[in-house]
Amino acid sequence: MKALKLLFFSGILALSSCTTDPCVDVTCFNDGVCDDGTCMCTDWYEGMDCNTEERTKYYGNYIGVLNFFDPDGMSAGSSQGAFPVSVGSVINELDGDGLPFVLNASGMSDFAIPITQVNDPDLGSTFWQGSGSFSGNILSFNGAFDVQGDTYTFSFTGTK
C-alpha cells in the first residue's frame, strides 16, 4: 500500500512539473508585469511588451485652422497651416508648438494646457491656458490667453 501511495504522488508530481510558466519567455519593459503570458503595462506605456510611450501616437503635424477671438467674442483672425506636436519634458506631456499639452490620465486622450507664459515679439508677455483632446487623427483644443489685461480666446481643429 505504501508503494502504491508513493507511486501515485510521484505521478502527480511528475505531471505538475510538465506545466510551463506562460511568463517564462515574456519580457515586459518599463516596470510592466507579466500576468499569464500578457504584459500589464504601467501608466503612460503600452504595447505587447510595454516598450511604447502612449504619447508617441500623437506626434506629428496637424493641418487645420487656429482661430482667435477678441474679448467681445468677435473674430480677431485665424491662421491656417500645420500645428506641430512633439515630445514634452515629462512622460505625460506633449509640446504643442511651444504650449505644454499635459495628458490627464493614462489611457485617455484628453489633455490640459496649464497656465503658460509665452513671450511674443509683437504681443509681449502673454499667459495661455486651455484644454483639448485627440480623437484618432484629429486634434482639437481651445482656451484663452491674456494680453495686457485683455482676455482673448482661441480654438484649433486639425487632422494629422
N, C-alpha and C. Protein backbone atom coordinates (compact mmCIF):
# COMPACT_ATOMS: atom_id res chain seq x y z
N MET A 1 0.81 -1.20 0.00
CA MET A 1 0.00 0.00 0.00
C MET A 1 0.86 1.27 0.00
N LYS A 2 1.97 1.23 0.78
CA LYS A 2 2.87 2.39 0.81
C LYS A 2 3.46 2.63 -0.57
N ALA A 3 3.81 1.60 -1.24
CA ALA A 3 4.41 1.72 -2.57
C ALA A 3 3.40 2.32 -3.54
N LEU A 4 2.13 1.94 -3.42
CA LEU A 4 1.09 2.47 -4.29
C LEU A 4 0.89 3.97 -4.06
N LYS A 5 0.87 4.39 -2.78
CA LYS A 5 0.75 5.82 -2.47
C LYS A 5 1.95 6.60 -3.01
N LEU A 6 3.14 6.06 -2.85
CA LEU A 6 4.35 6.71 -3.32
C LEU A 6 4.32 6.83 -4.83
N LEU A 7 3.89 5.81 -5.51
CA LEU A 7 3.78 5.83 -6.96
C LEU A 7 2.74 6.87 -7.40
N PHE A 8 1.60 6.94 -6.71
CA PHE A 8 0.54 7.90 -7.01
C PHE A 8 1.05 9.33 -6.87
N PHE A 9 1.67 9.68 -5.74
CA PHE A 9 2.20 11.03 -5.52
C PHE A 9 3.34 11.36 -6.47
N SER A 10 4.14 10.40 -6.81
CA SER A 10 5.23 10.62 -7.77
C SER A 10 4.66 10.96 -9.13
N GLY A 11 3.57 10.28 -9.50
CA GLY A 11 2.92 10.57 -10.78
C GLY A 11 2.34 11.97 -10.82
N ILE A 12 1.68 12.37 -9.74
CA ILE A 12 1.12 13.73 -9.66
C ILE A 12 2.24 14.76 -9.74
N LEU A 13 3.32 14.53 -9.04
CA LEU A 13 4.46 15.44 -9.06
C LEU A 13 5.05 15.53 -10.46
N ALA A 14 5.17 14.43 -11.14
CA ALA A 14 5.71 14.41 -12.50
C ALA A 14 4.81 15.17 -13.46
N LEU A 15 3.50 14.99 -13.34
CA LEU A 15 2.57 15.69 -14.22
C LEU A 15 2.57 17.19 -13.95
N SER A 16 2.63 17.59 -12.69
CA SER A 16 2.59 19.01 -12.38
C SER A 16 3.87 19.71 -12.80
N SER A 17 4.97 19.00 -12.88
CA SER A 17 6.22 19.63 -13.30
C SER A 17 6.26 19.85 -14.81
N CYS A 18 5.33 19.27 -15.56
CA CYS A 18 5.28 19.43 -17.01
C CYS A 18 4.64 20.75 -17.43
N THR A 19 3.84 21.35 -16.55
CA THR A 19 3.22 22.62 -16.91
C THR A 19 4.29 23.70 -16.91
N THR A 20 4.22 24.58 -17.93
CA THR A 20 5.22 25.65 -18.04
C THR A 20 4.60 26.98 -17.64
N ASP A 21 5.43 27.83 -17.13
CA ASP A 21 5.02 29.18 -16.75
C ASP A 21 4.84 29.98 -18.04
N PRO A 22 3.64 30.53 -18.33
CA PRO A 22 3.44 31.28 -19.56
C PRO A 22 4.25 32.58 -19.61
N CYS A 23 4.83 33.00 -18.51
CA CYS A 23 5.62 34.24 -18.48
C CYS A 23 7.11 33.99 -18.61
N VAL A 24 7.53 32.71 -18.72
CA VAL A 24 8.95 32.40 -18.70
C VAL A 24 9.72 33.08 -19.84
N ASP A 25 9.13 33.20 -21.01
CA ASP A 25 9.81 33.82 -22.15
C ASP A 25 9.28 35.21 -22.49
N VAL A 26 8.55 35.82 -21.56
CA VAL A 26 7.95 37.14 -21.80
C VAL A 26 8.75 38.20 -21.05
N THR A 27 9.14 39.24 -21.77
CA THR A 27 9.85 40.37 -21.16
C THR A 27 8.94 41.59 -21.24
N CYS A 28 8.67 42.20 -20.11
CA CYS A 28 7.87 43.42 -20.04
C CYS A 28 8.78 44.57 -19.61
N PHE A 29 8.79 45.63 -20.41
CA PHE A 29 9.66 46.77 -20.14
C PHE A 29 8.93 47.84 -19.31
N ASN A 30 9.68 48.81 -18.85
CA ASN A 30 9.15 49.99 -18.13
C ASN A 30 8.28 49.60 -16.95
N ASP A 31 8.75 48.66 -16.17
CA ASP A 31 8.09 48.19 -14.95
C ASP A 31 6.77 47.46 -15.21
N GLY A 32 6.53 47.03 -16.46
CA GLY A 32 5.36 46.21 -16.75
C GLY A 32 5.52 44.85 -16.08
N VAL A 33 4.41 44.17 -15.83
CA VAL A 33 4.41 42.89 -15.13
C VAL A 33 3.68 41.86 -15.99
N CYS A 34 4.27 40.68 -16.11
CA CYS A 34 3.65 39.61 -16.87
C CYS A 34 2.58 38.91 -16.03
N ASP A 35 1.41 38.72 -16.63
CA ASP A 35 0.31 38.01 -15.98
C ASP A 35 -0.25 37.01 -16.99
N ASP A 36 0.00 35.74 -16.75
CA ASP A 36 -0.49 34.65 -17.60
C ASP A 36 -0.05 34.84 -19.06
N GLY A 37 1.18 35.30 -19.27
CA GLY A 37 1.74 35.44 -20.61
C GLY A 37 1.51 36.79 -21.26
N THR A 38 0.79 37.69 -20.59
CA THR A 38 0.47 39.01 -21.14
C THR A 38 1.08 40.09 -20.26
N CYS A 39 1.73 41.08 -20.90
CA CYS A 39 2.30 42.18 -20.15
C CYS A 39 1.21 43.16 -19.71
N MET A 40 1.22 43.49 -18.43
CA MET A 40 0.34 44.51 -17.88
C MET A 40 1.21 45.75 -17.68
N CYS A 41 0.94 46.79 -18.48
CA CYS A 41 1.82 47.96 -18.51
C CYS A 41 1.51 48.95 -17.39
N THR A 42 2.55 49.67 -16.96
CA THR A 42 2.38 50.76 -16.01
C THR A 42 1.81 51.97 -16.76
N ASP A 43 1.36 52.96 -16.01
CA ASP A 43 0.84 54.19 -16.62
C ASP A 43 1.82 54.78 -17.61
N TRP A 44 1.28 55.28 -18.71
CA TRP A 44 1.98 56.01 -19.77
C TRP A 44 2.75 55.12 -20.73
N TYR A 45 2.61 53.78 -20.61
CA TYR A 45 3.24 52.85 -21.54
C TYR A 45 2.19 51.89 -22.07
N GLU A 46 2.43 51.38 -23.29
CA GLU A 46 1.51 50.44 -23.91
C GLU A 46 2.26 49.53 -24.86
N GLY A 47 1.55 48.60 -25.47
CA GLY A 47 2.13 47.67 -26.43
C GLY A 47 2.29 46.28 -25.84
N MET A 48 2.62 45.33 -26.70
CA MET A 48 2.75 43.93 -26.29
C MET A 48 3.79 43.76 -25.17
N ASP A 49 4.87 44.58 -25.21
CA ASP A 49 5.93 44.44 -24.21
C ASP A 49 6.10 45.70 -23.36
N CYS A 50 5.14 46.61 -23.42
CA CYS A 50 5.15 47.87 -22.64
C CYS A 50 6.34 48.76 -22.99
N ASN A 51 6.83 48.65 -24.20
CA ASN A 51 8.02 49.41 -24.59
C ASN A 51 7.66 50.68 -25.37
N THR A 52 6.37 50.99 -25.51
CA THR A 52 5.95 52.16 -26.27
C THR A 52 5.32 53.20 -25.35
N GLU A 53 5.81 54.44 -25.42
CA GLU A 53 5.18 55.53 -24.67
C GLU A 53 3.84 55.84 -25.32
N GLU A 54 2.79 55.98 -24.52
CA GLU A 54 1.46 56.29 -25.05
C GLU A 54 1.47 57.54 -25.91
N ARG A 55 2.19 58.55 -25.51
CA ARG A 55 2.14 59.85 -26.18
C ARG A 55 2.68 59.84 -27.60
N THR A 56 3.49 58.83 -27.97
CA THR A 56 4.10 58.83 -29.30
C THR A 56 3.06 58.79 -30.41
N LYS A 57 1.90 58.21 -30.17
CA LYS A 57 0.88 58.12 -31.22
C LYS A 57 0.31 59.49 -31.58
N TYR A 58 0.55 60.49 -30.74
CA TYR A 58 0.03 61.83 -31.01
C TYR A 58 1.04 62.73 -31.73
N TYR A 59 2.29 62.31 -31.85
CA TYR A 59 3.30 63.13 -32.51
C TYR A 59 2.94 63.35 -33.98
N GLY A 60 3.25 64.53 -34.48
CA GLY A 60 3.07 64.81 -35.90
C GLY A 60 2.56 66.22 -36.14
N ASN A 61 2.35 66.53 -37.41
CA ASN A 61 1.81 67.82 -37.82
C ASN A 61 0.32 67.67 -38.09
N TYR A 62 -0.46 68.53 -37.46
CA TYR A 62 -1.91 68.53 -37.64
C TYR A 62 -2.25 69.74 -38.50
N ILE A 63 -2.88 69.50 -39.63
CA ILE A 63 -3.24 70.57 -40.56
C ILE A 63 -4.65 71.03 -40.23
N GLY A 64 -4.79 72.33 -39.96
CA GLY A 64 -6.10 72.86 -39.60
C GLY A 64 -6.08 74.36 -39.48
N VAL A 65 -7.04 74.88 -38.74
CA VAL A 65 -7.20 76.33 -38.59
C VAL A 65 -7.18 76.69 -37.11
N LEU A 66 -6.35 77.67 -36.78
CA LEU A 66 -6.30 78.25 -35.43
C LEU A 66 -7.06 79.57 -35.48
N ASN A 67 -8.13 79.66 -34.71
CA ASN A 67 -8.98 80.86 -34.70
C ASN A 67 -8.76 81.64 -33.41
N PHE A 68 -8.77 82.96 -33.52
CA PHE A 68 -8.64 83.85 -32.37
C PHE A 68 -9.88 84.73 -32.27
N PHE A 69 -10.30 84.99 -31.01
CA PHE A 69 -11.47 85.83 -30.78
C PHE A 69 -11.12 86.89 -29.74
N ASP A 70 -11.58 88.12 -29.96
CA ASP A 70 -11.28 89.21 -29.05
C ASP A 70 -12.12 89.10 -27.77
N PRO A 71 -11.90 90.00 -26.80
CA PRO A 71 -12.65 89.91 -25.54
C PRO A 71 -14.16 89.99 -25.70
N ASP A 72 -14.64 90.55 -26.82
CA ASP A 72 -16.08 90.62 -27.08
C ASP A 72 -16.60 89.40 -27.83
N GLY A 73 -15.73 88.43 -28.12
CA GLY A 73 -16.14 87.22 -28.83
C GLY A 73 -16.13 87.35 -30.34
N MET A 74 -15.67 88.49 -30.83
CA MET A 74 -15.61 88.71 -32.28
C MET A 74 -14.30 88.12 -32.82
N SER A 75 -14.35 87.67 -34.06
CA SER A 75 -13.16 87.09 -34.68
C SER A 75 -12.02 88.11 -34.70
N ALA A 76 -10.86 87.66 -34.23
CA ALA A 76 -9.68 88.53 -34.23
C ALA A 76 -8.63 87.99 -35.19
N GLY A 77 -9.03 87.02 -36.01
CA GLY A 77 -8.13 86.47 -37.01
C GLY A 77 -8.03 84.96 -36.94
N SER A 78 -7.43 84.42 -37.95
CA SER A 78 -7.22 82.98 -37.99
C SER A 78 -5.95 82.70 -38.77
N SER A 79 -5.45 81.51 -38.56
CA SER A 79 -4.24 81.09 -39.22
C SER A 79 -4.40 79.63 -39.63
N GLN A 80 -4.23 79.38 -40.92
CA GLN A 80 -4.35 78.01 -41.41
C GLN A 80 -2.96 77.46 -41.67
N GLY A 81 -2.76 76.21 -41.30
CA GLY A 81 -1.46 75.59 -41.54
C GLY A 81 -1.23 74.41 -40.63
N ALA A 82 0.05 74.06 -40.50
CA ALA A 82 0.44 72.89 -39.70
C ALA A 82 0.68 73.30 -38.26
N PHE A 83 0.18 72.49 -37.35
CA PHE A 83 0.40 72.68 -35.92
C PHE A 83 1.19 71.47 -35.44
N PRO A 84 2.49 71.65 -35.12
CA PRO A 84 3.32 70.50 -34.74
C PRO A 84 3.12 70.07 -33.29
N VAL A 85 3.07 68.76 -33.09
CA VAL A 85 3.00 68.18 -31.75
C VAL A 85 4.18 67.22 -31.62
N SER A 86 4.97 67.40 -30.55
CA SER A 86 6.17 66.58 -30.37
C SER A 86 6.34 66.22 -28.90
N VAL A 87 7.46 65.60 -28.59
CA VAL A 87 7.75 65.11 -27.24
C VAL A 87 7.78 66.28 -26.24
N GLY A 88 7.22 66.03 -25.06
CA GLY A 88 7.26 67.02 -23.99
C GLY A 88 8.38 66.70 -23.02
N SER A 89 8.44 67.43 -21.93
CA SER A 89 9.57 67.29 -21.00
C SER A 89 9.39 66.15 -19.99
N VAL A 90 8.15 65.66 -19.80
CA VAL A 90 7.90 64.52 -18.90
C VAL A 90 7.02 63.52 -19.63
N ILE A 91 6.90 62.31 -19.10
CA ILE A 91 6.26 61.17 -19.78
C ILE A 91 4.80 61.42 -20.17
N ASN A 92 4.08 62.28 -19.47
CA ASN A 92 2.67 62.52 -19.81
C ASN A 92 2.46 63.89 -20.47
N GLU A 93 3.52 64.44 -21.06
CA GLU A 93 3.42 65.77 -21.64
C GLU A 93 3.83 65.75 -23.11
N LEU A 94 3.14 66.57 -23.90
CA LEU A 94 3.47 66.81 -25.29
C LEU A 94 3.80 68.29 -25.46
N ASP A 95 4.52 68.62 -26.50
CA ASP A 95 4.79 70.02 -26.83
C ASP A 95 3.92 70.37 -28.03
N GLY A 96 2.95 71.23 -27.83
CA GLY A 96 2.07 71.69 -28.89
C GLY A 96 2.53 73.04 -29.38
N ASP A 97 3.55 73.05 -30.23
CA ASP A 97 4.10 74.28 -30.79
C ASP A 97 4.45 75.30 -29.70
N GLY A 98 5.10 74.81 -28.65
CA GLY A 98 5.54 75.67 -27.56
C GLY A 98 4.62 75.67 -26.35
N LEU A 99 3.42 75.14 -26.48
CA LEU A 99 2.50 75.03 -25.35
C LEU A 99 2.53 73.61 -24.81
N PRO A 100 2.60 73.44 -23.50
CA PRO A 100 2.57 72.08 -22.95
C PRO A 100 1.15 71.51 -23.00
N PHE A 101 1.03 70.31 -23.55
CA PHE A 101 -0.23 69.55 -23.52
C PHE A 101 0.00 68.44 -22.50
N VAL A 102 -0.62 68.54 -21.33
CA VAL A 102 -0.43 67.57 -20.26
C VAL A 102 -1.60 66.58 -20.30
N LEU A 103 -1.30 65.33 -20.67
CA LEU A 103 -2.33 64.30 -20.74
C LEU A 103 -2.92 64.09 -19.35
N ASN A 104 -4.25 64.04 -19.26
CA ASN A 104 -4.93 64.00 -17.96
C ASN A 104 -4.79 62.67 -17.24
N ALA A 105 -4.86 61.56 -17.96
CA ALA A 105 -4.78 60.24 -17.32
C ALA A 105 -4.27 59.23 -18.32
N SER A 106 -3.52 58.26 -17.84
CA SER A 106 -3.02 57.20 -18.70
C SER A 106 -4.18 56.49 -19.38
N GLY A 107 -4.04 56.26 -20.68
CA GLY A 107 -5.08 55.58 -21.43
C GLY A 107 -6.17 56.50 -21.95
N MET A 108 -6.10 57.78 -21.63
CA MET A 108 -7.10 58.75 -22.08
C MET A 108 -6.44 59.68 -23.10
N SER A 109 -7.24 60.31 -23.95
CA SER A 109 -6.68 61.16 -25.00
C SER A 109 -6.95 62.64 -24.77
N ASP A 110 -7.45 63.00 -23.60
CA ASP A 110 -7.69 64.42 -23.33
C ASP A 110 -6.52 65.02 -22.56
N PHE A 111 -6.37 66.32 -22.67
CA PHE A 111 -5.23 66.99 -22.06
C PHE A 111 -5.60 68.38 -21.58
N ALA A 112 -4.74 68.92 -20.74
CA ALA A 112 -4.89 70.29 -20.25
C ALA A 112 -3.69 71.11 -20.73
N ILE A 113 -3.93 72.37 -20.97
CA ILE A 113 -2.86 73.32 -21.25
C ILE A 113 -2.77 74.18 -19.99
N PRO A 114 -1.79 73.88 -19.12
CA PRO A 114 -1.69 74.67 -17.88
C PRO A 114 -1.29 76.11 -18.20
N ILE A 115 -1.51 77.01 -17.26
CA ILE A 115 -1.13 78.41 -17.47
C ILE A 115 0.35 78.47 -17.85
N THR A 116 0.60 79.00 -19.03
CA THR A 116 1.94 79.03 -19.60
C THR A 116 2.26 80.43 -20.10
N GLN A 117 3.39 80.97 -19.67
CA GLN A 117 3.81 82.28 -20.14
C GLN A 117 4.54 82.13 -21.47
N VAL A 118 4.11 82.93 -22.45
CA VAL A 118 4.73 82.95 -23.76
C VAL A 118 5.17 84.38 -24.04
N ASN A 119 6.42 84.54 -24.42
CA ASN A 119 6.93 85.87 -24.76
C ASN A 119 6.93 86.02 -26.28
N ASP A 120 6.02 86.84 -26.77
CA ASP A 120 5.84 87.06 -28.20
C ASP A 120 6.47 88.40 -28.58
N PRO A 121 7.24 88.46 -29.67
CA PRO A 121 7.87 89.74 -30.06
C PRO A 121 6.86 90.85 -30.35
N ASP A 122 5.67 90.50 -30.82
CA ASP A 122 4.66 91.52 -31.14
C ASP A 122 3.73 91.81 -29.97
N LEU A 123 3.35 90.77 -29.20
CA LEU A 123 2.38 90.94 -28.13
C LEU A 123 3.00 91.13 -26.75
N GLY A 124 4.27 90.82 -26.61
CA GLY A 124 4.91 90.87 -25.30
C GLY A 124 4.63 89.60 -24.53
N SER A 125 4.59 89.71 -23.23
CA SER A 125 4.37 88.56 -22.36
C SER A 125 2.87 88.23 -22.32
N THR A 126 2.54 86.99 -22.68
CA THR A 126 1.16 86.54 -22.66
C THR A 126 1.06 85.27 -21.81
N PHE A 127 -0.14 84.99 -21.29
CA PHE A 127 -0.38 83.79 -20.49
C PHE A 127 -1.50 82.99 -21.14
N TRP A 128 -1.20 81.73 -21.50
CA TRP A 128 -2.12 80.86 -22.22
C TRP A 128 -2.57 79.71 -21.32
N GLN A 129 -3.80 79.24 -21.52
CA GLN A 129 -4.30 78.04 -20.84
C GLN A 129 -5.48 77.49 -21.62
N GLY A 130 -5.80 76.21 -21.41
CA GLY A 130 -6.93 75.63 -22.12
C GLY A 130 -6.99 74.13 -21.93
N SER A 131 -7.68 73.47 -22.86
CA SER A 131 -7.83 72.03 -22.83
C SER A 131 -8.14 71.53 -24.23
N GLY A 132 -8.03 70.21 -24.40
CA GLY A 132 -8.31 69.64 -25.71
C GLY A 132 -8.28 68.13 -25.67
N SER A 133 -8.33 67.55 -26.87
CA SER A 133 -8.29 66.09 -26.96
C SER A 133 -7.83 65.65 -28.34
N PHE A 134 -7.42 64.39 -28.39
CA PHE A 134 -7.09 63.72 -29.62
C PHE A 134 -8.18 62.68 -29.86
N SER A 135 -8.62 62.56 -31.10
CA SER A 135 -9.60 61.55 -31.47
C SER A 135 -9.17 60.97 -32.80
N GLY A 136 -8.54 59.80 -32.75
CA GLY A 136 -7.96 59.25 -33.98
C GLY A 136 -6.87 60.17 -34.46
N ASN A 137 -7.00 60.66 -35.69
CA ASN A 137 -6.01 61.58 -36.25
C ASN A 137 -6.43 63.04 -36.14
N ILE A 138 -7.40 63.33 -35.29
CA ILE A 138 -7.90 64.71 -35.14
C ILE A 138 -7.47 65.27 -33.79
N LEU A 139 -6.94 66.48 -33.84
CA LEU A 139 -6.57 67.24 -32.64
C LEU A 139 -7.49 68.44 -32.55
N SER A 140 -8.08 68.64 -31.38
CA SER A 140 -8.87 69.86 -31.17
C SER A 140 -8.58 70.39 -29.77
N PHE A 141 -8.48 71.70 -29.67
CA PHE A 141 -8.28 72.33 -28.36
C PHE A 141 -8.79 73.75 -28.40
N ASN A 142 -9.01 74.29 -27.21
CA ASN A 142 -9.43 75.69 -27.09
C ASN A 142 -8.95 76.22 -25.76
N GLY A 143 -9.01 77.52 -25.63
CA GLY A 143 -8.57 78.12 -24.39
C GLY A 143 -8.59 79.63 -24.46
N ALA A 144 -7.78 80.21 -23.60
CA ALA A 144 -7.74 81.67 -23.51
C ALA A 144 -6.31 82.12 -23.25
N PHE A 145 -6.04 83.36 -23.65
CA PHE A 145 -4.75 83.97 -23.32
C PHE A 145 -4.97 85.44 -23.01
N ASP A 146 -4.15 85.93 -22.11
CA ASP A 146 -4.24 87.33 -21.68
C ASP A 146 -3.14 88.14 -22.31
N VAL A 147 -3.55 89.30 -22.86
CA VAL A 147 -2.62 90.25 -23.45
C VAL A 147 -2.89 91.60 -22.81
N GLN A 148 -1.98 92.08 -22.02
CA GLN A 148 -2.07 93.39 -21.39
C GLN A 148 -3.44 93.61 -20.72
N GLY A 149 -3.90 92.59 -19.99
CA GLY A 149 -5.15 92.71 -19.24
C GLY A 149 -6.40 92.32 -20.00
N ASP A 150 -6.31 92.09 -21.30
CA ASP A 150 -7.46 91.66 -22.09
C ASP A 150 -7.38 90.16 -22.33
N THR A 151 -8.51 89.48 -22.25
CA THR A 151 -8.54 88.04 -22.46
C THR A 151 -9.10 87.72 -23.85
N TYR A 152 -8.30 87.03 -24.63
CA TYR A 152 -8.68 86.55 -25.95
C TYR A 152 -8.88 85.04 -25.86
N THR A 153 -9.70 84.48 -26.72
CA THR A 153 -9.88 83.04 -26.75
C THR A 153 -9.36 82.50 -28.07
N PHE A 154 -9.11 81.19 -28.09
CA PHE A 154 -8.62 80.56 -29.31
C PHE A 154 -9.20 79.16 -29.42
N SER A 155 -9.23 78.65 -30.65
CA SER A 155 -9.64 77.27 -30.89
C SER A 155 -8.88 76.73 -32.09
N PHE A 156 -8.66 75.43 -32.09
CA PHE A 156 -7.98 74.78 -33.20
C PHE A 156 -8.58 73.41 -33.42
N THR A 157 -8.75 73.05 -34.68
CA THR A 157 -9.10 71.69 -35.07
C THR A 157 -8.26 71.36 -36.29
N GLY A 158 -7.59 70.22 -36.24
CA GLY A 158 -6.74 69.83 -37.35
C GLY A 158 -6.61 68.32 -37.46
N THR A 159 -6.19 67.87 -38.62
CA THR A 159 -6.04 66.45 -38.91
C THR A 159 -4.60 66.13 -39.25
N LYS A 160 -4.13 65.00 -38.72
CA LYS A 160 -2.74 64.56 -38.98
C LYS A 160 -2.71 63.83 -40.32
